[in-house]
Protein backbone atom coordinates (compact mmCIF):
# COMPACT_ATOMS: atom_id res chain seq x y z
CA MET A 1 55.90 152.49 111.49
CA ALA A 2 56.55 156.23 111.52
CA THR A 3 54.89 158.26 108.80
CA ILE A 4 56.78 161.12 107.15
CA ALA A 5 55.09 163.79 105.03
CA ALA A 6 55.45 162.62 101.45
CA ALA A 7 57.54 164.51 98.93
CA SER A 8 56.89 162.02 96.14
CA ILE A 9 53.82 160.16 95.04
CA SER A 10 53.77 157.12 92.77
CA TYR A 11 50.45 155.69 91.73
CA SER A 12 49.84 152.21 90.37
CA VAL A 13 46.69 151.89 88.32
CA VAL A 14 45.49 148.31 88.59
CA GLY A 15 42.78 147.22 86.20
CA SER A 16 43.01 143.57 87.28
CA GLN A 17 45.58 141.17 88.68
CA ALA A 18 47.00 140.95 85.17
CA ALA A 19 47.28 144.69 84.66
CA HIS A 20 49.73 147.02 86.36
CA ALA A 21 50.37 150.44 84.85
CA HIS A 22 52.61 152.95 86.60
CA VAL A 23 51.88 156.65 86.58
CA ARG A 24 54.71 158.65 88.09
CA LEU A 25 54.27 161.98 89.79
CA ARG A 26 56.55 164.50 91.41
CA ARG A 27 55.50 166.94 94.07
CA VAL A 28 58.13 169.59 94.67
CA GLY A 29 58.66 170.57 98.30
CA GLU A 30 56.90 173.70 99.48
CA GLY A 31 58.74 176.88 98.62
CA VAL A 32 60.48 175.40 95.58
CA SER A 33 59.43 176.52 92.11
CA LEU A 34 60.96 173.91 89.86
CA LEU A 35 59.23 172.78 86.69
CA SER A 36 59.69 169.21 85.65
CA ALA A 37 61.18 168.62 82.24
CA GLY A 38 57.85 167.09 81.30
CA GLU A 39 56.09 170.37 82.12
CA ARG A 40 58.68 172.34 80.15
CA SER A 41 58.23 170.16 77.10
CA GLY A 42 54.46 170.41 77.17
CA VAL A 43 54.00 166.83 78.26
CA LYS A 44 50.59 166.39 79.81
CA VAL A 45 50.06 166.52 83.54
CA GLY A 46 52.12 164.10 85.60
CA GLY A 47 54.99 164.21 83.12
CA ARG A 48 53.34 161.61 80.90
CA LYS A 49 51.81 162.01 77.49
CA GLY A 50 48.59 160.16 76.91
CA LEU A 51 49.46 157.21 74.70
CA VAL A 52 47.45 156.40 71.62
CA VAL A 53 47.18 152.67 72.12
CA ALA A 54 45.97 150.62 69.20
CA THR A 55 43.05 148.32 69.87
CA ALA A 56 43.68 146.42 66.66
CA ASN A 57 47.06 145.45 65.37
CA GLY A 58 46.52 143.12 62.47
CA GLY A 59 45.73 140.39 64.97
CA GLY A 60 48.78 141.26 67.08
CA LEU A 61 48.70 141.86 70.82
CA THR A 62 48.76 145.30 72.45
CA TYR A 63 49.37 146.58 75.97
CA LYS A 64 45.79 147.81 76.20
CA GLY A 65 44.53 144.47 74.98
CA ALA A 66 46.56 142.83 77.77
CA GLY A 67 44.61 144.86 80.33
CA VAL A 68 46.66 148.03 80.85
CA ASP A 69 44.72 151.21 80.01
CA ILE A 70 47.20 154.10 79.89
CA ASP A 71 44.38 156.56 79.20
CA ALA A 72 42.75 155.70 82.54
CA GLY A 73 46.07 156.30 84.27
CA THR A 74 46.47 159.67 82.57
CA GLU A 75 42.97 160.65 83.67
CA LEU A 76 43.78 159.74 87.27
CA VAL A 77 46.90 161.90 87.14
CA ARG A 78 44.84 164.81 85.76
CA ARG A 79 42.46 164.56 88.70
CA ILE A 80 45.26 164.28 91.26
CA ALA A 81 46.94 167.35 89.76
CA LYS A 82 43.88 169.40 90.71
CA MET A 83 44.42 168.44 94.34
CA THR A 84 48.23 168.58 94.48
CA PRO A 85 49.72 171.05 91.97
CA GLY A 86 53.39 170.82 90.97
CA ILE A 87 53.76 167.18 89.99
CA GLY A 88 55.74 165.44 87.25
CA GLY A 89 59.19 163.94 86.76
CA PHE A 90 60.91 160.77 87.93
CA GLY A 91 61.63 161.65 91.58
CA GLY A 92 60.26 163.96 94.25
CA LEU A 93 62.46 166.86 95.38
CA TYR A 94 62.50 168.25 98.91
CA PRO A 95 64.77 171.23 99.73
CA PHE A 96 67.22 170.50 102.55
CA GLY A 97 69.88 173.15 103.12
CA ASP A 98 72.13 173.39 100.07
CA SER A 99 70.78 170.07 98.75
CA TYR A 100 67.61 168.36 97.64
CA LEU A 101 66.39 165.13 99.11
CA VAL A 102 65.16 163.07 96.17
CA ALA A 103 62.57 160.36 96.85
CA GLY A 104 61.01 157.63 94.75
CA THR A 105 58.64 154.73 95.26
CA ASP A 106 57.59 151.80 93.08
CA GLY A 107 56.67 148.14 92.93
CA VAL A 108 57.49 145.23 90.64
CA GLY A 109 54.14 144.78 88.89
CA THR A 110 53.06 141.49 87.37
CA LYS A 111 56.63 140.29 87.03
CA LEU A 112 55.72 138.80 90.40
CA LYS A 113 53.43 136.35 88.58
CA LEU A 114 56.46 134.88 86.81
CA ALA A 115 58.27 134.56 90.14
CA PHE A 116 55.26 132.70 91.55
CA ASP A 117 54.99 130.42 88.51
CA MET A 118 58.70 129.54 88.63
CA ASN A 119 58.92 129.51 92.44
CA LYS A 120 61.97 131.74 92.20
CA HIS A 121 62.05 134.61 94.66
CA ASP A 122 65.71 135.49 95.27
CA THR A 123 66.07 138.20 92.58
CA ILE A 124 62.68 139.94 92.61
CA GLY A 125 63.94 142.13 95.47
CA ILE A 126 66.69 143.43 93.19
CA ASP A 127 63.95 144.57 90.81
CA LEU A 128 62.20 146.33 93.68
CA VAL A 129 65.28 148.34 94.64
CA ALA A 130 66.19 149.05 91.03
CA MET A 131 62.87 150.62 90.10
CA SER A 132 63.16 153.29 92.81
CA VAL A 133 66.90 154.02 92.81
CA ASN A 134 67.01 154.20 89.02
CA ASP A 135 64.32 156.87 89.19
CA ILE A 136 66.07 159.10 91.71
CA ILE A 137 69.47 159.01 89.99
CA THR A 138 67.88 160.78 86.99
CA SER A 139 68.23 163.95 89.10
CA GLY A 140 71.89 163.20 89.79
CA ALA A 141 71.07 162.06 93.33
CA LYS A 142 73.06 159.43 95.23
CA PRO A 143 70.72 156.96 96.95
CA MET A 144 71.12 157.00 100.73
CA PHE A 145 68.59 154.52 102.06
CA PHE A 146 65.77 152.17 101.07
CA LEU A 147 62.69 150.75 102.79
CA ASP A 148 60.52 147.85 101.67
CA TYR A 149 56.94 146.68 102.18
CA PHE A 150 56.11 142.95 101.89
CA ALA A 151 52.45 141.87 102.06
CA THR A 152 51.01 138.36 101.95
CA SER A 153 48.00 136.41 103.23
CA GLN A 154 50.01 133.81 105.12
CA LEU A 155 53.68 134.37 105.83
CA ASP A 156 56.02 131.77 104.35
CA VAL A 157 59.24 132.58 106.20
CA ASP A 158 61.54 130.79 103.74
CA GLN A 159 59.92 132.52 100.76
CA ALA A 160 60.04 135.94 102.43
CA GLU A 161 63.70 135.41 103.34
CA GLN A 162 64.50 134.84 99.66
CA VAL A 163 62.67 138.03 98.68
CA ILE A 164 64.49 140.13 101.27
CA LYS A 165 67.80 138.57 100.21
CA GLY A 166 67.18 140.17 96.80
CA VAL A 167 66.41 143.50 98.44
CA VAL A 168 69.69 143.33 100.35
CA ASP A 169 71.56 142.48 97.14
CA GLY A 170 69.92 145.43 95.37
CA CYS A 171 70.90 147.82 98.15
CA LYS A 172 74.50 146.60 97.99
CA GLN A 173 74.55 147.22 94.24
CA SER A 174 73.15 150.70 94.89
CA ASP A 175 75.55 151.46 97.73
CA CYS A 176 72.63 152.45 99.95
CA ALA A 177 71.38 151.26 103.33
CA LEU A 178 68.36 149.03 103.86
CA LEU A 179 66.99 151.17 106.66
CA GLY A 180 63.87 149.19 107.49
CA GLY A 181 60.62 147.82 106.19
CA GLU A 182 57.21 146.37 106.94
CA THR A 183 55.87 142.83 106.71
CA ALA A 184 52.07 142.67 106.52
CA GLU A 185 50.15 139.40 106.94
CA MET A 186 46.57 139.82 105.68
CA PRO A 187 44.62 136.53 105.70
CA GLY A 188 42.39 136.03 102.67
CA PHE A 189 43.65 139.06 100.80
CA TYR A 190 46.13 137.36 98.44
CA SER A 191 46.06 133.97 96.73
CA PRO A 192 47.99 131.20 98.55
CA GLY A 193 51.74 131.49 97.95
CA GLU A 194 51.49 135.00 96.53
CA TYR A 195 52.62 138.38 97.85
CA ASP A 196 53.04 141.99 96.78
CA LEU A 197 55.97 144.36 97.17
CA SER A 198 56.59 148.09 97.37
CA GLY A 199 59.83 149.97 97.81
CA PHE A 200 60.87 153.48 98.77
CA ALA A 201 64.25 155.15 98.16
CA VAL A 202 65.68 158.48 99.29
CA GLY A 203 68.83 160.13 97.98
CA SER A 204 70.51 163.52 97.93
CA VAL A 205 71.97 165.91 95.39
CA LYS A 206 73.50 169.37 95.81
CA LYS A 207 71.21 172.06 94.41
CA ASP A 208 73.91 173.31 92.04
CA ALA A 209 74.42 169.74 90.73
CA LEU A 210 70.76 168.96 90.06
CA ILE A 211 70.17 167.42 86.61
CA ASP A 212 66.83 168.66 85.25
CA GLY A 213 67.17 168.84 81.46
CA SER A 214 67.04 172.64 81.33
CA LYS A 215 70.46 172.92 79.60
CA ILE A 216 69.63 170.54 76.72
CA VAL A 217 70.00 172.17 73.28
CA VAL A 218 69.78 171.20 69.62
CA GLY A 219 72.81 169.14 68.60
CA ASP A 220 73.20 167.36 71.93
CA VAL A 221 73.51 163.58 71.80
CA LEU A 222 71.32 160.82 73.23
CA LEU A 223 73.32 157.99 74.79
CA GLY A 224 71.88 154.67 75.98
CA LEU A 225 72.88 152.20 78.68
CA PRO A 226 72.01 148.55 78.01
CA SER A 227 69.24 146.79 79.91
CA SER A 228 69.38 143.22 81.19
CA GLY A 229 66.08 142.46 79.45
CA VAL A 230 62.46 143.36 80.14
CA HIS A 231 63.31 144.80 83.59
CA SER A 232 60.02 145.37 85.49
CA ASN A 233 57.62 146.91 82.98
CA GLY A 234 55.39 145.50 80.27
CA PHE A 235 54.80 142.14 81.95
CA SER A 236 51.06 142.19 81.40
CA LEU A 237 51.75 142.13 77.66
CA ALA A 238 54.72 139.76 78.01
CA ARG A 239 52.62 137.26 79.96
CA LYS A 240 49.85 137.56 77.38
CA VAL A 241 52.33 136.75 74.62
CA LEU A 242 53.67 133.80 76.61
CA ALA A 243 50.16 132.40 77.00
CA LYS A 244 49.38 132.90 73.31
CA SER A 245 52.61 131.22 72.21
CA GLY A 246 51.87 128.00 74.09
CA ALA A 247 55.51 127.93 75.21
CA SER A 248 56.66 127.06 78.70
CA VAL A 249 58.85 129.28 80.86
CA TYR A 250 61.25 126.31 80.87
CA ASP A 251 61.60 126.22 77.08
CA GLN A 252 64.85 127.52 75.59
CA LEU A 253 64.80 131.07 74.26
CA PRO A 254 66.12 130.97 70.67
CA GLY A 255 69.58 132.49 70.34
CA ALA A 256 70.00 133.21 74.03
CA GLY A 257 71.33 130.15 75.85
CA VAL A 258 68.76 130.59 78.63
CA THR A 259 65.12 129.63 79.11
CA ILE A 260 62.25 132.00 78.37
CA GLY A 261 61.53 132.21 82.08
CA GLU A 262 65.13 133.01 82.95
CA ALA A 263 65.20 135.79 80.36
CA LEU A 264 61.95 137.27 81.65
CA LEU A 265 63.01 137.07 85.31
CA ALA A 266 66.49 138.55 84.73
CA PRO A 267 66.79 141.22 87.45
CA THR A 268 66.52 144.86 86.48
CA THR A 269 69.88 146.53 85.92
CA ILE A 270 70.81 148.95 88.70
CA TYR A 271 72.55 151.93 87.09
CA VAL A 272 73.56 153.83 90.24
CA LYS A 273 77.34 153.38 90.17
CA GLN A 274 77.64 153.72 86.39
CA VAL A 275 75.51 156.86 86.19
CA LEU A 276 77.02 158.58 89.22
CA ASP A 277 80.50 157.88 87.86
CA LEU A 278 79.51 159.54 84.59
CA THR A 279 77.85 162.54 86.27
CA SER A 280 80.96 163.12 88.36
CA LYS A 281 83.18 163.38 85.26
CA PHE A 282 80.99 164.76 82.50
CA GLY A 283 78.35 167.45 82.07
CA ILE A 284 75.28 165.22 81.87
CA LYS A 285 72.35 167.46 80.91
CA GLY A 286 69.44 165.06 81.24
CA ILE A 287 68.68 161.46 82.25
CA ALA A 288 65.58 159.35 81.60
CA HIS A 289 64.74 155.97 83.11
CA ILE A 290 63.11 153.82 80.42
CA THR A 291 60.20 152.18 82.21
CA GLY A 292 56.49 151.91 81.35
CA GLY A 293 55.94 153.92 78.18
CA GLY A 294 59.25 152.78 76.69
CA PHE A 295 61.25 155.11 74.45
CA THR A 296 58.22 156.95 73.15
CA ASP A 297 56.89 158.16 76.48
CA ASN A 298 59.93 158.49 78.75
CA ILE A 299 62.63 160.20 76.70
CA PRO A 300 60.63 163.41 75.99
CA ARG A 301 60.04 163.90 79.73
CA VAL A 302 63.51 165.42 80.13
CA PHE A 303 63.42 167.83 77.17
CA PRO A 304 62.78 171.58 77.30
CA LYS A 305 59.79 172.68 75.24
CA GLY A 306 60.36 172.64 71.50
CA LEU A 307 62.95 169.86 71.46
CA GLY A 308 62.72 166.26 70.30
CA VAL A 309 65.10 163.48 69.32
CA ASN A 310 65.92 161.44 66.24
CA VAL A 311 66.73 157.88 67.31
CA ASN A 312 68.69 155.68 64.93
CA VAL A 313 67.11 152.23 64.86
CA GLY A 314 69.87 149.62 64.84
CA SER A 315 72.26 151.70 66.93
CA TRP A 316 71.90 149.35 69.89
CA ASP A 317 71.60 145.61 70.49
CA VAL A 318 68.06 144.34 71.01
CA PRO A 319 68.11 141.31 73.37
CA PRO A 320 66.58 138.06 72.04
CA ILE A 321 63.67 138.18 74.51
CA PHE A 322 62.21 141.25 72.75
CA LYS A 323 62.52 139.66 69.33
CA TRP A 324 60.74 136.55 70.64
CA LEU A 325 57.95 138.60 72.25
CA GLN A 326 57.40 140.59 69.05
CA GLU A 327 57.36 137.52 66.82
CA GLN A 328 55.16 135.37 69.05
CA GLY A 329 52.71 138.17 69.83
CA GLY A 330 52.64 139.81 66.41
CA VAL A 331 53.34 143.11 68.18
CA ASP A 332 54.14 146.01 65.86
CA ASP A 333 57.24 148.18 66.24
CA ALA A 334 55.41 151.21 67.66
CA GLU A 335 53.72 149.12 70.34
CA MET A 336 57.00 147.48 71.32
CA ARG A 337 58.75 150.86 71.66
CA ARG A 338 56.05 152.34 73.89
CA THR A 339 55.73 149.24 76.10
CA PHE A 340 59.25 147.85 76.56
CA ASN A 341 62.76 149.27 76.99
CA MET A 342 63.93 147.26 73.92
CA GLY A 343 67.40 146.79 75.39
CA VAL A 344 68.08 150.31 76.67
CA GLY A 345 67.19 150.91 80.31
CA MET A 346 68.59 154.40 80.84
CA VAL A 347 69.35 157.29 78.50
CA LEU A 348 71.59 160.31 79.00
CA ILE A 349 71.75 163.58 77.07
CA VAL A 350 75.19 165.18 76.74
CA GLY A 351 77.07 167.60 74.50
CA LYS A 352 78.56 166.20 71.29
CA GLU A 353 82.20 166.28 72.40
CA GLU A 354 81.49 164.66 75.73
CA ALA A 355 79.38 162.01 74.01
CA GLU A 356 82.37 161.02 71.89
CA SER A 357 84.58 160.78 74.97
CA ILE A 358 82.08 158.63 76.85
CA VAL A 359 81.53 156.25 73.95
CA LEU A 360 85.26 155.96 73.20
CA GLU A 361 85.98 155.14 76.84
CA ASN A 362 83.06 152.76 77.26
CA ASN A 363 85.36 150.14 78.73
CA CYS A 364 85.63 152.42 81.76
CA TYR A 365 81.93 153.19 82.07
CA GLY A 366 80.35 150.00 80.76
CA LYS A 367 78.78 149.64 77.34
CA VAL A 368 77.29 152.88 76.00
CA TYR A 369 75.27 153.28 72.80
CA ARG A 370 75.08 156.46 70.71
CA LEU A 371 71.36 156.47 69.97
CA GLY A 372 70.69 159.74 68.21
CA ASP A 373 70.62 163.53 68.26
CA ILE A 374 68.50 166.27 69.83
CA VAL A 375 66.58 168.30 67.22
CA LYS A 376 63.92 170.98 67.04
CA GLY A 377 60.45 169.54 67.36
CA GLU A 378 58.76 167.28 69.88
CA GLY A 379 58.72 163.61 70.76
CA VAL A 380 60.78 160.72 69.43
CA THR A 381 61.35 160.03 65.74
CA PHE A 382 62.76 156.64 64.76
CA ASN A 383 65.03 156.63 61.69
């Protein structure tokens, strides 16, 4: 496979097979001086604040207790920043004429374990595409092409075909080309029947249309787009809760009409068409993909320094799977909000008047929640 000089770096910090924490970095192409919103807002290196993760929670489970150490990930980012200055943000920008190429890379994490347990592999490829394309559209970029990497100890052709079918479906939803990929067979490296996945997406946005959060001001409005469920983050904690509950993935999820396993494996929503439709018609000032770190860690990444947001709890619908996870795991509200998307997979910051227009016309753009308002300060306050 040809190797192209990287414009974006995404690191996965793996503490064990049951722990998968993503630390996202952006390296801006040489000759471009463009601060990430995270850098503008004083967010620590890599565009991520170090999370204060409780080790005790009244007997409840925590992400750190499930094996994911965010502090270790933050430390790795700090060290990488010494070697490659200019990182942070959701996607990597590379100047190309009057445009930027925007690149992103990611995996699926331990959601794969659920796919293995349920022997269901036809949607996990959608998750793979979603995690990268949803990152690059936060800059306003239209995805152009995607590449995948599939690694296993012994190739099961039927299983691999199902995985790639999901990748193809995800690319169709994203209106981008599956340009190529790599299949690696590494005997003895993975457990029988298991595999790992990585994906890489590249898109483009005109320089004068780049969305970077720099125009956000006090009084702007935070809008939210619904998620399909857990998406592809927080599964180390979700799997820990499942084990503690004693429930089976084939048990019915209360109030949902699906099994617990079906709710957990629901493919990640791909927001490409919805977001690009909105950016073409409205002055979207900032976009954040709600992944690892949840509301607490991801939303502030797009704010200029000195700004925060008041989020109105109850302003959106929380899917039953999150209520079940919280109840069964005894997970407190703060831990839930910094681990899971809680039913909102993408947020947009817009002016007040445009927010009203978008919400009123939500039949045209899909369901849109009015989550809260931009205020002076820092971080996310839940009201």
